[in-house]
C-alpha cells in the first residue's frame, strides 16, 4: 500500500472541492485549479477530508496512487496559501527588474535576458532576490528553474543565480591548488 496515497487530505476553511467524474476542481481564496484523474484512481470526499484510493493493484496504478494524492494536496495548499520560490543572484553588474509580466535580467551577457511570466505566476525583485510565486506548484518550480538555468552558479567565484537555500559546490582556483600541492 502507498504510504502517501492512503493518507487523507484535510480540506481547510474557505476551500471547496468538487468531483465531477474524473475531474477534481479545487477553489479557494487565491484561485482555482483543476486536475484530470485517471480511471483507476478514485477520489472521494468524506466529512471535510479527501480520500484517494485505487481500483487495481498493478505497478502502474500503485505508482499513480501516491502521485495523485500529492497533486491534490498541492492544489489545496496552492489555492489556500500559494507557493513561492526565491532565487539569489550574485555577480559584478548583475541586475534584475520586473516590468508588467516580464523579468529582465542583466547577467553580464551582451544583451539583457527577458523571461515572460506565464498566466498565474507573479515575479518580484528586491535587492538581489527574485521571488516567483503562484498557486500551481509545478508552474512555480518550472519558472524558477528556467530563471536559474540562464546563469547557474559557477564553482570558482560563486557568480550566478541559485535558490536561496542552495549551497553551491565551490572549487579552489589554480593559486590555491599550487599552494596546497607545493606545501606537501
Protein backbone atom coordinates (compact mmCIF):
# COMPACT_ATOMS: atom_id res chain seq x y z
CA UNK A 1 0.00 0.00 0.00
CA UNK A 2 1.22 3.50 -0.78
CA UNK A 3 2.33 5.28 2.40
CA UNK A 4 1.45 8.66 0.91
CA UNK A 5 -1.64 7.56 -1.02
CA UNK A 6 -3.55 6.21 1.99
CA UNK A 7 -3.29 9.46 3.98
CA UNK A 8 -6.42 11.59 3.89
CA UNK A 9 -6.24 15.26 2.86
CA UNK A 10 -7.93 17.80 5.14
CA UNK A 11 -9.95 20.49 3.39
CA UNK A 12 -9.30 23.86 5.12
CA UNK A 13 -11.92 26.56 5.68
CA UNK A 14 -12.62 28.66 2.58
CA UNK A 15 -11.62 25.90 0.13
CA UNK A 16 -14.23 23.99 -1.87
CA UNK A 17 -13.56 20.74 -3.71
CA UNK A 18 -15.87 19.43 -6.44
CA UNK A 19 -15.51 15.99 -8.01
CA UNK A 20 -17.19 15.59 -11.38
CA UNK A 21 -16.46 12.14 -12.78
CA UNK A 22 -12.70 12.07 -13.35
CA UNK A 23 -12.18 15.82 -12.77
CA UNK A 24 -11.22 17.33 -9.43
CA UNK A 25 -11.81 21.08 -9.15
CA UNK A 26 -10.41 22.99 -6.16
CA UNK A 27 -11.45 26.61 -5.50
CA UNK A 28 -10.07 28.84 -2.77
CA UNK A 29 -9.30 32.44 -1.86
CA UNK A 30 -6.27 32.64 -4.19
CA UNK A 31 -7.78 31.00 -7.27
CA UNK A 32 -9.00 27.82 -8.89
CA UNK A 33 -7.21 24.67 -10.10
CA UNK A 34 -8.43 21.61 -11.98
CA UNK A 35 -6.98 18.10 -12.37
CA UNK A 36 -7.92 15.14 -14.56
CA UNK A 37 -7.65 11.86 -12.60
CA UNK A 38 -7.03 8.52 -14.39
CA UNK A 39 -9.84 5.94 -14.41
CA UNK A 40 -8.04 3.56 -11.99
CA UNK A 41 -7.79 6.22 -9.24
CA UNK A 42 -10.89 7.01 -7.15
CA UNK A 43 -11.26 10.32 -5.29
CA UNK A 44 -13.98 10.70 -2.62
CA UNK A 45 -14.93 13.43 -0.17
CA UNK A 46 -15.72 12.12 3.32
CA UNK A 47 -16.66 14.70 6.02
CA UNK A 48 -14.26 17.52 5.04
CA UNK A 49 -11.48 15.11 4.07
CA UNK A 50 -10.44 13.73 0.69
CA UNK A 51 -9.63 10.04 0.33
CA UNK A 52 -7.71 8.77 -2.69
CA UNK A 53 -7.85 5.04 -3.47
CA UNK A 54 -7.16 2.76 -6.43
CA UNK A 55 -9.24 0.12 -8.21
CA UNK A 56 -6.38 -2.12 -9.38
CA UNK A 57 -3.15 -3.15 -7.71
CA UNK A 58 -0.78 -3.24 -10.69
CA UNK A 59 2.59 -1.47 -10.61
CA UNK A 60 1.44 1.42 -12.80
CA UNK A 61 -1.71 2.08 -10.76
CA UNK A 62 0.22 1.84 -7.49
CA UNK A 63 2.66 4.47 -8.73
CA UNK A 64 -0.23 6.79 -9.65
CA UNK A 65 -1.94 6.40 -6.25
CA UNK A 66 0.57 8.42 -4.23
CA UNK A 67 1.22 10.82 -7.10
CA UNK A 68 -2.39 11.94 -7.46
CA UNK A 69 -2.84 12.20 -3.70
CA UNK A 70 0.18 14.55 -3.62
CA UNK A 71 -1.09 16.54 -6.62
CA UNK A 72 -4.49 17.09 -4.98
CA UNK A 73 -2.84 18.08 -1.68
CA UNK A 74 -0.66 20.59 -3.59
CA UNK A 75 -3.75 22.02 -5.29
CA UNK A 76 -5.41 22.59 -1.91
CA UNK A 77 -2.27 24.22 -0.48
CA UNK A 78 -1.91 26.36 -3.62
CA UNK A 79 -5.43 27.83 -3.57
CA UNK A 80 -5.31 28.46 0.19
CA UNK A 81 -1.78 29.80 0.81
CA UNK A 82 0.12 29.53 -2.50
CA UNK A 83 3.72 28.58 -3.31
CA UNK A 84 6.85 30.64 -3.73
CA UNK A 85 10.48 30.09 -4.67
CA UNK A 86 13.25 32.59 -4.01
CA UNK A 87 16.36 32.90 -6.14
CA UNK A 88 19.51 34.79 -5.19
CA UNK A 89 21.90 36.22 -7.77
CA UNK A 90 25.46 37.39 -7.29
CA UNK A 91 27.95 38.91 -9.70
CA UNK A 92 29.53 42.20 -10.72
CA UNK A 93 26.98 44.24 -12.66
CA UNK A 94 24.21 41.64 -12.32
CA UNK A 95 20.76 43.30 -12.15
CA UNK A 96 17.15 42.23 -12.40
CA UNK A 97 13.96 44.21 -12.86
CA UNK A 98 10.28 43.43 -13.37
CA UNK A 99 8.14 45.33 -15.89
CA UNK A 100 4.49 44.23 -16.11
CA UNK A 101 4.68 40.41 -16.54
CA UNK A 102 8.29 40.37 -17.77
CA UNK A 103 11.53 39.75 -15.84
CA UNK A 104 14.57 41.44 -17.38
CA UNK A 105 17.95 40.02 -16.31
CA UNK A 106 21.30 41.72 -16.91
CA UNK A 107 23.79 38.89 -16.29
CA UNK A 108 26.97 40.05 -17.98
CA UNK A 109 25.97 38.97 -21.48
CA UNK A 110 25.97 41.40 -24.41
CA UNK A 111 22.17 41.56 -24.22
CA UNK A 112 19.52 41.51 -21.46
CA UNK A 113 17.56 38.29 -20.99
CA UNK A 114 13.77 38.60 -20.90
CA UNK A 115 11.57 36.00 -19.22
CA UNK A 116 7.81 36.31 -19.64
CA UNK A 117 5.81 35.02 -16.68
CA UNK A 118 3.08 32.53 -17.61
CA UNK A 119 -0.52 33.05 -16.52
CA UNK A 120 -0.90 32.78 -12.73
CA UNK A 121 2.76 33.47 -11.87
CA UNK A 122 3.92 36.65 -10.10
CA UNK A 123 7.53 37.86 -10.19
CA UNK A 124 9.13 40.30 -7.73
CA UNK A 125 12.68 41.59 -7.31
CA UNK A 126 14.02 43.03 -4.05
CA UNK A 127 17.73 43.88 -3.95
CA UNK A 128 19.33 40.69 -5.28
CA UNK A 129 16.45 38.26 -4.58
CA UNK A 130 13.96 37.18 -7.26
CA UNK A 131 10.66 35.83 -5.88
CA UNK A 132 8.48 33.57 -8.04
CA UNK A 133 5.00 32.95 -6.58
CA UNK A 134 1.71 31.42 -7.67
CA UNK A 135 -0.92 28.80 -6.88
CA UNK A 136 0.34 25.99 -9.16
CA UNK A 137 3.38 24.33 -7.59
CA UNK A 138 4.59 22.83 -10.86
CA UNK A 139 4.49 26.17 -12.71
CA UNK A 140 6.26 28.00 -9.88
CA UNK A 141 9.05 25.40 -9.81
CA UNK A 142 9.40 25.37 -13.60
CA UNK A 143 9.64 29.17 -13.90
CA UNK A 144 12.22 29.27 -11.07
CA UNK A 145 14.24 26.51 -12.78
CA UNK A 146 14.09 28.40 -16.10
CA UNK A 147 15.38 31.58 -14.43
CA UNK A 148 18.18 29.65 -12.68
CA UNK A 149 19.21 27.97 -15.95
CA UNK A 150 20.04 31.35 -17.55
CA UNK A 151 23.21 31.67 -15.43
CA UNK A 152 23.86 28.78 -12.99
CA UNK A 153 26.38 29.37 -10.21
CA UNK A 154 29.93 28.77 -11.39
CA UNK A 155 32.14 26.85 -8.92
CA UNK A 156 35.16 29.18 -8.69
CA UNK A 157 33.83 32.62 -7.77
CA UNK A 158 30.22 31.70 -6.97
CA UNK A 159 28.74 34.09 -9.55
CA UNK A 160 25.31 33.26 -10.96
CA UNK A 161 21.74 32.51 -9.94
CA UNK A 162 20.92 30.00 -7.21
CA UNK A 163 18.00 29.06 -4.99
CA UNK A 164 18.07 30.90 -1.67
CA UNK A 165 18.62 27.66 0.32
CA UNK A 166 21.02 26.07 -2.20
CA UNK A 167 24.67 25.65 -1.23
CA UNK A 168 26.68 25.58 -4.47
CA UNK A 169 29.80 23.44 -4.76
CA UNK A 170 32.94 25.56 -4.67
CA UNK A 171 36.34 24.60 -6.09
CA UNK A 172 39.75 26.01 -5.24
CA UNK A 173 41.36 28.05 -8.02
CA UNK A 174 44.77 27.50 -9.63
CA UNK A 175 46.60 29.56 -6.99
CA UNK A 176 45.08 27.57 -4.12
CA UNK A 177 45.99 24.27 -5.78
CA UNK A 178 49.61 25.39 -6.25
CA UNK A 179 49.97 26.31 -2.57
CA UNK A 180 48.38 23.08 -1.36
CA UNK A 181 50.40 20.95 -3.81
CA UNK A 182 53.71 22.75 -3.10
CA UNK A 183 53.37 22.57 0.69
CA UNK A 184 53.32 18.77 0.71
